[in-house]
C-alpha atoms as a PDB file:
ATOM      1  CA  LEU A   1       0.000   0.080   0.021  1.00  0.00           C
ATOM      2  CA  ASP A   2       2.973   2.301   0.678  1.00  0.00           C
ATOM      3  CA  MET A   3       4.277   1.840  -2.683  1.00  0.00           C
ATOM      4  CA  VAL A   4       0.914   2.511  -4.406  1.00  0.00           C
ATOM      5  CA  ASP A   5       0.603   5.723  -2.200  1.00  0.00           C
ATOM      6  CA  MET A   6       3.927   6.956  -3.172  1.00  0.00           C
ATOM      7  CA  ALA A   7       3.414   6.231  -6.934  1.00  0.00           C
ATOM      8  CA  SER A   8       0.099   8.086  -6.698  1.00  0.00           C
ATOM      9  CA  GLN A   9       1.636  11.031  -4.807  1.00  0.00           C
ATOM     10  CA  GLY A  10      -0.159  10.313  -1.633  1.00  0.00           C
ATOM     11  CA  GLY A  11      -3.842   9.969  -0.711  1.00  0.00           C
ATOM     12  CA  GLU A  12      -6.086   7.198   0.527  1.00  0.00           C
ATOM     13  CA  MET A  13      -3.586   4.298   0.113  1.00  0.00           C
ATOM     14  CA  GLY A  14      -1.295   5.858   2.976  1.00  0.00           C
ATOM     15  CA  LYS A  15      -4.385   5.865   5.307  1.00  0.00           C
ATOM     16  CA  ALA A  16      -5.079   2.182   4.442  1.00  0.00           C
ATOM     17  CA  ALA A  17      -1.406   1.308   5.069  1.00  0.00           C
ATOM     18  CA  GLN A  18      -1.460   3.100   8.493  1.00  0.00           C
ATOM     19  CA  THR A  19      -4.671   1.277   9.265  1.00  0.00           C
ATOM     20  CA  CYS A  20      -3.262  -2.053   8.388  1.00  0.00           C
ATOM     21  CA  ILE A  21      -0.363  -1.473  10.517  1.00  0.00           C
ATOM     22  CA  GLY A  22      -2.613  -0.569  13.501  1.00  0.00           C
ATOM     23  CA  LEU A  23      -4.490  -3.625  13.015  1.00  0.00           C
ATOM     24  CA  GLY A  24      -1.410  -5.853  12.673  1.00  0.00           C
ATOM     25  CA  ILE A  25      -0.187  -4.271  16.062  1.00  0.00           C
ATOM     26  CA  LEU A  26      -3.563  -5.363  17.723  1.00  0.00           C
ATOM     27  CA  THR A  27      -3.656  -8.637  16.506  1.00  0.00           C
ATOM     28  CA  SER A  28       0.080  -9.338  17.418  1.00  0.00           C
ATOM     29  CA  VAL A  29      -0.973  -9.866  21.072  1.00  0.00           C
ATOM     30  CA  ALA A  30      -2.881 -13.030  20.153  1.00  0.00           C
ATOM     31  CA  ALA A  31      -0.111 -14.428  18.104  1.00  0.00           C
ATOM     32  CA  ALA A  32       2.380 -13.671  20.858  1.00  0.00           C
ATOM     33  CA  ALA A  33       0.157 -15.566  23.280  1.00  0.00           C
ATOM     34  CA  THR A  34      -0.274 -18.476  21.007  1.00  0.00           C
ATOM     35  CA  GLY A  35       3.789 -18.611  20.375  1.00  0.00           C
ATOM     36  CA  ALA A  36       4.429 -18.370  24.016  1.00  0.00           C
ATOM     37  CA  THR A  37       1.988 -21.325  24.754  1.00  0.00           C
ATOM     38  CA  GLN A  38       3.900 -23.497  22.230  1.00  0.00           C
ATOM     39  CA  TRP A  39       7.317 -22.224  23.396  1.00  0.00           C
ATOM     40  CA  TYR A  40       6.497 -23.315  27.090  1.00  0.00           C
ATOM     41  CA  GLY A  41       5.633 -26.800  25.682  1.00  0.00           C
ATOM     42  CA  MET A  42       8.954 -27.360  24.033  1.00  0.00           C
ATOM     43  CA  ARG A  43      11.472 -29.643  25.605  1.00  0.00           C
ATOM     44  CA  ASP A  44      14.376 -29.474  23.200  1.00  0.00           C
ATOM     45  CA  PRO A  45      16.810 -26.717  24.275  1.00  0.00           C
ATOM     46  CA  ALA A  46      18.025 -26.038  20.744  1.00  0.00           C
ATOM     47  CA  LEU A  47      14.342 -25.594  19.631  1.00  0.00           C
ATOM     48  CA  ARG A  48      13.621 -23.424  22.616  1.00  0.00           C
ATOM     49  CA  ARG A  49      16.550 -21.113  21.559  1.00  0.00           C
ATOM     50  CA  VAL A  50      15.154 -20.922  18.102  1.00  0.00           C
ATOM     51  CA  GLY A  51      11.778 -19.975  19.452  1.00  0.00           C
ATOM     52  CA  LEU A  52      13.162 -17.279  21.798  1.00  0.00           C
ATOM     53  CA  THR A  53      15.154 -15.834  18.730  1.00  0.00           C
ATOM     54  CA  HIS A  54      11.854 -15.965  16.799  1.00  0.00           C
ATOM     55  CA  ALA A  55       9.938 -14.162  19.516  1.00  0.00           C
ATOM     56  CA  ALA A  56      12.717 -11.554  19.975  1.00  0.00           C
ATOM     57  CA  MET A  57      12.734 -10.713  16.396  1.00  0.00           C
ATOM     58  CA  ASN A  58       8.743 -10.479  16.504  1.00  0.00           C
ATOM     59  CA  SER A  59       9.017  -8.161  19.272  1.00  0.00           C
ATOM     60  CA  PHE A  60      11.577  -6.011  17.589  1.00  0.00           C
ATOM     61  CA  ALA A  61       9.390  -5.782  14.458  1.00  0.00           C
ATOM     62  CA  LEU A  62       6.531  -4.827  16.543  1.00  0.00           C
ATOM     63  CA  GLY A  63       8.471  -2.041  17.939  1.00  0.00           C
ATOM     64  CA  LEU A  64       9.446  -0.870  14.500  1.00  0.00           C
ATOM     65  CA  TYR A  65       5.789  -1.011  13.365  1.00  0.00           C
ATOM     66  CA  GLY A  66       4.553   0.676  16.485  1.00  0.00           C
ATOM     67  CA  ALA A  67       7.010   3.564  15.860  1.00  0.00           C
ATOM     68  CA  SER A  68       6.024   3.675  12.173  1.00  0.00           C
ATOM     69  CA  TYR A  69       2.330   4.111  13.305  1.00  0.00           C
ATOM     70  CA  LEU A  70       3.177   6.861  15.577  1.00  0.00           C
ATOM     71  CA  LEU A  71       5.334   8.607  13.082  1.00  0.00           C
ATOM     72  CA  ARG A  72       2.711   8.292  10.302  1.00  0.00           C
ATOM     73  CA  LYS A  73       0.140   9.826  12.843  1.00  0.00           C
ATOM     74  CA  ALA A  74       2.687  12.816  13.385  1.00  0.00           C
ATOM     75  CA  ASP A  75       2.763  13.289   9.505  1.00  0.00           C
ATOM     76  CA  ARG A  76       6.309  11.891   9.414  1.00  0.00           C
ATOM     77  CA  LYS A  77       5.375   9.526   6.687  1.00  0.00           C
ATOM     78  CA  LYS A  78       8.790   9.009   5.010  1.00  0.00           C
ATOM     79  CA  ILE A  79      10.526   7.854   8.209  1.00  0.00           C
ATOM     80  CA  GLY A  80       7.199   5.862   9.138  1.00  0.00           C
ATOM     81  CA  ARG A  81       7.526   4.026   5.736  1.00  0.00           C
ATOM     82  CA  GLY A  82      11.229   3.295   6.230  1.00  0.00           C
ATOM     83  CA  LEU A  83      10.704   1.707   9.722  1.00  0.00           C
ATOM     84  CA  ALA A  84       7.748  -0.241   8.334  1.00  0.00           C
ATOM     85  CA  LEU A  85      10.052  -1.602   5.493  1.00  0.00           C
ATOM     86  CA  LEU A  86      12.658  -2.520   8.071  1.00  0.00           C
ATOM     87  CA  GLY A  87      10.063  -4.201  10.138  1.00  0.00           C
ATOM     88  CA  LEU A  88       8.964  -6.236   7.290  1.00  0.00           C
ATOM     89  CA  ALA A  89      12.545  -7.375   6.615  1.00  0.00           C
ATOM     90  CA  VAL A  90      12.826  -8.499  10.303  1.00  0.00           C
ATOM     91  CA  LEU A  91       9.373 -10.215  10.065  1.00  0.00           C
ATOM     92  CA  THR A  92      10.608 -12.067   6.912  1.00  0.00           C
ATOM     93  CA  TYR A  93      13.468 -13.774   8.637  1.00  0.00           C
ATOM     94  CA  SER A  94      11.560 -14.297  11.724  1.00  0.00           C
ATOM     95  CA  GLY A  95       8.870 -15.975   9.680  1.00  0.00           C
ATOM     96  CA  TYR A  96      11.474 -18.192   8.169  1.00  0.00           C
ATOM     97  CA  LEU A  97      12.527 -19.389  11.760  1.00  0.00           C
ATOM     98  CA  GLY A  98       8.790 -20.069  12.596  1.00  0.00           C
ATOM     99  CA  GLY A  99       8.389 -22.177   9.532  1.00  0.00           C
ATOM    100  CA  HIS A 100      11.672 -23.947  10.305  1.00  0.00           C
ATOM    101  CA  MET A 101      10.423 -24.711  13.687  1.00  0.00           C
ATOM    102  CA  VAL A 102       7.109 -26.049  12.568  1.00  0.00           C
ATOM    103  CA  TYR A 103       7.843 -27.793   9.170  1.00  0.00           C
ATOM    104  CA  LYS A 104      11.320 -29.008   9.719  1.00  0.00           C
ATOM    105  CA  ARG A 105      11.530 -29.537  13.437  1.00  0.00           C
ATOM    106  CA  ARG A 106       7.807 -30.450  13.779  1.00  0.00           C
ATOM    107  CA  ALA A 107       7.418 -28.198  16.859  1.00  0.00           C
ATOM    108  CA  GLY A 108       3.839 -27.715  18.080  1.00  0.00           C
ATOM    109  CA  VAL A 109       2.577 -30.344  15.480  1.00  0.00           C
ATOM    110  CA  ASP A 110       0.603 -33.040  17.289  1.00  0.00           C
END
């Protein structure tokens, strides 16, 4: 949405991007609760370390998105977009770790 907003010289897509970021921040609480529940059930120390790294990266990305949201509200959209892009990069690798735990290491699969 940010790319479309930049290409169209601003407008409704920027507002939509900000709304999506806000909703993502709100829903992260449920995702974190689910992940914490699964992490507490893990017995393999190596897998727990990967899970902890995954959680830390998600928390860092959440902070980036939170800062992006606040900057956008303060009409500092350029910096807000940059932080959202950085958050996306962090979440991409964190998602890889999460996928590795589930699909390769079978964590949380009953």
